[in-house]
Amino acid sequence: MCDLRIGIDRLLCVGFEDCVAAAPAVFRMDEGGIVTFTDDAATFEDRDRLIDACRVCPVDALSATDADGRTLAP
């Protein structure tokens, strides 16, 4: 996943699916309606799209940090 670390707070996720719409190659909803990673997420290379997908979460359940630990989203 580029040079990013993506975090999912499954307790915050309420299933809006905005992240799935923004980056369907990375995020999917599990059987409980909570976001999780797709099987292909580790090979996704569009850094900007991934950050945007984390930013669109209305409840800040997703986070993105760079290799230096700086928070890029939310």
N, C-alpha and C. Protein backbone atom coordinates (compact mmCIF):
# COMPACT_ATOMS: atom_id res chain seq x y z
N MET A 1 0.84 -1.19 0.00
CA MET A 1 0.00 0.00 0.00
C MET A 1 0.87 1.24 0.00
N CYS A 2 1.55 1.47 -1.06
CA CYS A 2 2.40 2.66 -1.19
C CYS A 2 3.33 2.75 0.01
N ASP A 3 3.51 3.95 0.48
CA ASP A 3 4.32 4.18 1.68
C ASP A 3 3.42 4.58 2.84
N LEU A 4 2.17 4.12 2.81
CA LEU A 4 1.18 4.51 3.81
C LEU A 4 0.85 3.35 4.73
N ARG A 5 0.45 3.72 5.92
CA ARG A 5 -0.14 2.75 6.85
C ARG A 5 -1.60 3.16 7.00
N ILE A 6 -2.49 2.25 6.70
CA ILE A 6 -3.92 2.52 6.78
C ILE A 6 -4.49 1.79 7.98
N GLY A 7 -5.22 2.52 8.79
CA GLY A 7 -5.86 1.93 9.96
C GLY A 7 -7.37 1.94 9.82
N ILE A 8 -8.00 0.89 10.33
CA ILE A 8 -9.45 0.80 10.35
C ILE A 8 -9.87 0.64 11.81
N ASP A 9 -10.71 1.57 12.27
CA ASP A 9 -11.30 1.43 13.60
C ASP A 9 -12.67 0.81 13.41
N ARG A 10 -12.74 -0.49 13.57
CA ARG A 10 -13.97 -1.22 13.30
C ARG A 10 -15.08 -0.90 14.30
N LEU A 11 -14.73 -0.31 15.42
CA LEU A 11 -15.75 0.10 16.38
C LEU A 11 -16.44 1.40 15.96
N LEU A 12 -15.73 2.22 15.18
CA LEU A 12 -16.33 3.47 14.70
C LEU A 12 -17.12 3.31 13.42
N CYS A 13 -16.75 2.35 12.60
CA CYS A 13 -17.38 2.17 11.29
C CYS A 13 -18.86 1.86 11.46
N VAL A 14 -19.69 2.59 10.71
CA VAL A 14 -21.13 2.35 10.72
C VAL A 14 -21.65 1.99 9.33
N GLY A 15 -20.76 1.75 8.39
CA GLY A 15 -21.15 1.21 7.11
C GLY A 15 -21.67 2.16 6.06
N PHE A 16 -21.21 3.39 6.05
CA PHE A 16 -21.65 4.33 5.01
C PHE A 16 -21.15 3.93 3.62
N GLU A 17 -20.03 3.22 3.55
CA GLU A 17 -19.43 2.73 2.32
C GLU A 17 -18.82 3.80 1.43
N ASP A 18 -18.60 5.00 1.94
CA ASP A 18 -17.95 6.05 1.14
C ASP A 18 -16.53 5.63 0.76
N CYS A 19 -15.84 4.95 1.65
CA CYS A 19 -14.48 4.48 1.36
C CYS A 19 -14.50 3.42 0.25
N VAL A 20 -15.49 2.57 0.27
CA VAL A 20 -15.61 1.53 -0.76
C VAL A 20 -15.84 2.18 -2.12
N ALA A 21 -16.68 3.20 -2.15
CA ALA A 21 -16.93 3.92 -3.40
C ALA A 21 -15.67 4.62 -3.90
N ALA A 22 -14.87 5.14 -2.98
CA ALA A 22 -13.66 5.88 -3.35
C ALA A 22 -12.50 4.97 -3.75
N ALA A 23 -12.40 3.80 -3.14
CA ALA A 23 -11.28 2.89 -3.43
C ALA A 23 -11.75 1.43 -3.31
N PRO A 24 -12.56 0.98 -4.25
CA PRO A 24 -13.08 -0.39 -4.17
C PRO A 24 -12.01 -1.48 -4.29
N ALA A 25 -10.85 -1.14 -4.79
CA ALA A 25 -9.76 -2.12 -4.87
C ALA A 25 -9.14 -2.36 -3.49
N VAL A 26 -9.41 -1.46 -2.54
CA VAL A 26 -8.79 -1.54 -1.22
C VAL A 26 -9.79 -1.92 -0.13
N PHE A 27 -10.98 -1.34 -0.18
CA PHE A 27 -11.96 -1.53 0.89
C PHE A 27 -13.18 -2.29 0.40
N ARG A 28 -13.74 -3.08 1.31
CA ARG A 28 -15.01 -3.76 1.06
C ARG A 28 -15.73 -3.85 2.41
N MET A 29 -16.98 -4.18 2.36
CA MET A 29 -17.75 -4.36 3.59
C MET A 29 -17.81 -5.86 3.90
N ASP A 30 -17.65 -6.20 5.17
CA ASP A 30 -17.74 -7.60 5.55
C ASP A 30 -19.20 -7.99 5.77
N GLU A 31 -19.43 -9.21 6.18
CA GLU A 31 -20.80 -9.69 6.34
C GLU A 31 -21.57 -8.95 7.42
N GLY A 32 -20.87 -8.26 8.31
CA GLY A 32 -21.51 -7.47 9.36
C GLY A 32 -21.71 -6.01 8.98
N GLY A 33 -21.34 -5.65 7.74
CA GLY A 33 -21.51 -4.26 7.30
C GLY A 33 -20.43 -3.33 7.79
N ILE A 34 -19.27 -3.88 8.14
CA ILE A 34 -18.14 -3.10 8.64
C ILE A 34 -17.02 -3.17 7.61
N VAL A 35 -16.32 -2.06 7.43
CA VAL A 35 -15.25 -2.00 6.43
C VAL A 35 -14.10 -2.92 6.80
N THR A 36 -13.51 -3.50 5.78
CA THR A 36 -12.32 -4.32 5.90
C THR A 36 -11.52 -4.17 4.61
N PHE A 37 -10.34 -4.74 4.57
CA PHE A 37 -9.51 -4.66 3.38
C PHE A 37 -9.87 -5.76 2.39
N THR A 38 -9.71 -5.47 1.11
CA THR A 38 -9.86 -6.49 0.08
C THR A 38 -8.61 -7.35 0.06
N ASP A 39 -8.67 -8.44 -0.64
CA ASP A 39 -7.50 -9.32 -0.77
C ASP A 39 -6.38 -8.64 -1.55
N ASP A 40 -6.72 -7.67 -2.41
CA ASP A 40 -5.74 -7.00 -3.26
C ASP A 40 -5.23 -5.68 -2.68
N ALA A 41 -5.65 -5.33 -1.48
CA ALA A 41 -5.31 -4.03 -0.90
C ALA A 41 -3.81 -3.78 -0.81
N ALA A 42 -3.05 -4.78 -0.49
CA ALA A 42 -1.60 -4.60 -0.27
C ALA A 42 -0.86 -4.18 -1.53
N THR A 43 -1.43 -4.41 -2.69
CA THR A 43 -0.75 -4.06 -3.94
C THR A 43 -1.24 -2.74 -4.53
N PHE A 44 -2.17 -2.08 -3.86
CA PHE A 44 -2.72 -0.82 -4.37
C PHE A 44 -1.68 0.28 -4.28
N GLU A 45 -1.49 1.03 -5.35
CA GLU A 45 -0.40 2.01 -5.39
C GLU A 45 -0.85 3.47 -5.57
N ASP A 46 -2.13 3.75 -5.66
CA ASP A 46 -2.59 5.13 -5.87
C ASP A 46 -2.71 5.84 -4.52
N ARG A 47 -1.60 6.43 -4.10
CA ARG A 47 -1.48 7.05 -2.78
C ARG A 47 -2.55 8.12 -2.54
N ASP A 48 -2.74 9.02 -3.49
CA ASP A 48 -3.70 10.11 -3.32
C ASP A 48 -5.13 9.58 -3.18
N ARG A 49 -5.46 8.59 -3.98
CA ARG A 49 -6.80 8.01 -3.91
C ARG A 49 -7.03 7.33 -2.57
N LEU A 50 -6.02 6.69 -2.05
CA LEU A 50 -6.13 6.02 -0.77
C LEU A 50 -6.32 7.02 0.37
N ILE A 51 -5.58 8.09 0.34
CA ILE A 51 -5.74 9.15 1.35
C ILE A 51 -7.14 9.74 1.26
N ASP A 52 -7.59 10.03 0.05
CA ASP A 52 -8.94 10.57 -0.13
C ASP A 52 -10.00 9.61 0.39
N ALA A 53 -9.82 8.32 0.15
CA ALA A 53 -10.78 7.33 0.63
C ALA A 53 -10.86 7.35 2.16
N CYS A 54 -9.74 7.58 2.82
CA CYS A 54 -9.74 7.69 4.28
C CYS A 54 -10.39 8.98 4.74
N ARG A 55 -10.20 10.03 4.00
CA ARG A 55 -10.77 11.33 4.37
C ARG A 55 -12.29 11.40 4.22
N VAL A 56 -12.86 10.62 3.30
CA VAL A 56 -14.30 10.72 3.07
C VAL A 56 -15.14 10.01 4.12
N CYS A 57 -14.51 9.25 4.99
CA CYS A 57 -15.27 8.56 6.03
C CYS A 57 -15.93 9.59 6.97
N PRO A 58 -17.25 9.59 7.04
CA PRO A 58 -17.92 10.60 7.85
C PRO A 58 -17.76 10.42 9.36
N VAL A 59 -17.29 9.25 9.80
CA VAL A 59 -17.10 9.03 11.23
C VAL A 59 -15.63 8.83 11.60
N ASP A 60 -14.73 9.13 10.66
CA ASP A 60 -13.28 9.02 10.89
C ASP A 60 -12.84 7.63 11.35
N ALA A 61 -13.43 6.60 10.77
CA ALA A 61 -13.06 5.22 11.11
C ALA A 61 -11.77 4.79 10.41
N LEU A 62 -11.33 5.57 9.42
CA LEU A 62 -10.12 5.24 8.68
C LEU A 62 -9.04 6.27 8.95
N SER A 63 -7.81 5.82 9.00
CA SER A 63 -6.70 6.74 9.17
C SER A 63 -5.59 6.37 8.20
N ALA A 64 -4.83 7.37 7.81
CA ALA A 64 -3.67 7.16 6.94
C ALA A 64 -2.49 7.91 7.53
N THR A 65 -1.38 7.21 7.68
CA THR A 65 -0.15 7.84 8.14
C THR A 65 0.95 7.51 7.15
N ASP A 66 1.91 8.42 7.04
CA ASP A 66 3.01 8.18 6.11
C ASP A 66 4.13 7.41 6.80
N ALA A 67 5.20 7.17 6.08
CA ALA A 67 6.31 6.37 6.59
C ALA A 67 6.99 7.01 7.81
N ASP A 68 6.85 8.33 7.95
CA ASP A 68 7.42 9.04 9.09
C ASP A 68 6.46 9.14 10.26
N GLY A 69 5.27 8.56 10.13
CA GLY A 69 4.29 8.59 11.20
C GLY A 69 3.40 9.80 11.22
N ARG A 70 3.49 10.64 10.19
CA ARG A 70 2.63 11.83 10.13
C ARG A 70 1.22 11.42 9.69
N THR A 71 0.23 11.96 10.39
CA THR A 71 -1.16 11.68 10.04
C THR A 71 -1.55 12.47 8.79
N LEU A 72 -2.07 11.77 7.80
CA LEU A 72 -2.51 12.38 6.55
C LEU A 72 -4.03 12.40 6.45
N ALA A 73 -4.70 11.53 7.16
CA ALA A 73 -6.15 11.48 7.19
C ALA A 73 -6.54 10.73 8.46
N PRO A 74 -7.58 11.04 9.12
CA PRO A 74 -8.54 12.09 8.78
C PRO A 74 -8.00 13.46 9.09
